[in-house]
């Protein structure tokens, strides 16, 4: 079973990775996904206050904005697949 911390780490990794690969600034991604920038920063732990657990609706909105299926954002990062 996946913990909340693992879920958050995975979503954060894939959002950063896919946004970078597609050349989308994280602030623009938040706007396009219809989520608040503060929500994005908390998810990505930009302010080093500890990440917040993503809501399912947030994961779905980010997946739509990145043009991927939601499960793509919860796959293990490459370094965790072994």
Protein backbone atom coordinates (compact mmCIF):
# COMPACT_ATOMS: atom_id res chain seq x y z
CA UNK A 1 0.00 0.00 0.00
CA UNK A 2 1.26 3.46 -0.90
CA UNK A 3 1.64 6.00 1.90
CA UNK A 4 0.59 9.65 1.57
CA UNK A 5 4.26 10.65 1.56
CA UNK A 6 4.99 8.27 -1.33
CA UNK A 7 2.01 9.56 -3.29
CA UNK A 8 3.07 13.16 -2.77
CA UNK A 9 6.66 12.39 -3.78
CA UNK A 10 5.51 10.64 -6.96
CA UNK A 11 3.09 13.36 -8.03
CA UNK A 12 5.68 16.05 -7.32
CA UNK A 13 8.35 14.21 -9.31
CA UNK A 14 6.15 13.63 -12.36
CA UNK A 15 4.64 17.11 -12.38
CA UNK A 16 8.11 18.67 -12.37
CA UNK A 17 9.46 16.16 -14.91
CA UNK A 18 6.58 16.38 -17.38
CA UNK A 19 6.21 20.14 -17.11
CA UNK A 20 9.94 20.53 -17.76
CA UNK A 21 9.85 18.10 -20.67
CA UNK A 22 6.94 20.01 -22.22
CA UNK A 23 8.47 23.41 -21.47
CA UNK A 24 5.60 24.51 -19.24
CA UNK A 25 6.36 26.84 -16.34
CA UNK A 26 4.91 25.52 -13.09
CA UNK A 27 2.95 28.73 -12.49
CA UNK A 28 1.38 28.43 -15.94
CA UNK A 29 0.65 24.76 -15.33
CA UNK A 30 -1.21 25.64 -12.13
CA UNK A 31 -3.22 28.27 -13.99
CA UNK A 32 -3.99 25.91 -16.89
CA UNK A 33 -5.00 23.15 -14.47
CA UNK A 34 -7.29 25.54 -12.62
CA UNK A 35 -5.57 25.05 -9.29
CA UNK A 36 -4.16 27.77 -7.11
CA UNK A 37 -0.48 28.51 -7.30
CA UNK A 38 -0.30 28.12 -3.53
CA UNK A 39 -1.70 24.60 -3.92
CA UNK A 40 0.98 23.89 -6.53
CA UNK A 41 3.77 25.27 -4.34
CA UNK A 42 2.58 23.24 -1.35
CA UNK A 43 2.40 20.08 -3.45
CA UNK A 44 5.92 20.65 -4.75
CA UNK A 45 7.18 21.84 -1.33
CA UNK A 46 8.65 24.99 -2.85
CA UNK A 47 8.77 26.81 0.49
CA UNK A 48 10.34 23.86 2.36
CA UNK A 49 7.46 23.76 4.84
CA UNK A 50 6.68 20.15 4.01
CA UNK A 51 4.58 19.04 1.08
CA UNK A 52 0.84 18.74 1.29
CA UNK A 53 -1.00 15.61 0.25
CA UNK A 54 -2.62 16.08 -3.15
CA UNK A 55 -6.35 15.71 -3.55
CA UNK A 56 -7.59 13.38 -6.24
CA UNK A 57 -9.17 16.35 -8.01
CA UNK A 58 -5.79 18.13 -8.03
CA UNK A 59 -4.03 15.10 -9.50
CA UNK A 60 -6.76 14.79 -12.16
CA UNK A 61 -6.56 18.50 -13.04
CA UNK A 62 -2.76 18.39 -13.34
CA UNK A 63 -2.96 15.26 -15.49
CA UNK A 64 -5.45 16.95 -17.85
CA UNK A 65 -3.24 20.03 -18.09
CA UNK A 66 -0.20 17.84 -18.85
CA UNK A 67 -2.21 15.72 -21.33
CA UNK A 68 -1.54 12.45 -19.51
CA UNK A 69 -3.69 9.92 -17.68
CA UNK A 70 -3.89 10.52 -13.90
CA UNK A 71 -2.16 7.21 -13.17
CA UNK A 72 0.92 8.56 -14.98
CA UNK A 73 1.39 10.97 -12.07
CA UNK A 74 1.42 8.22 -9.45
CA UNK A 75 3.81 5.80 -11.15
CA UNK A 76 7.08 5.22 -9.28
CA UNK A 77 9.88 7.53 -10.45
CA UNK A 78 12.57 5.76 -12.50
CA UNK A 79 14.98 5.54 -9.56
CA UNK A 80 12.30 3.71 -7.48
CA UNK A 81 11.40 1.08 -10.07
CA UNK A 82 14.15 -1.42 -9.28
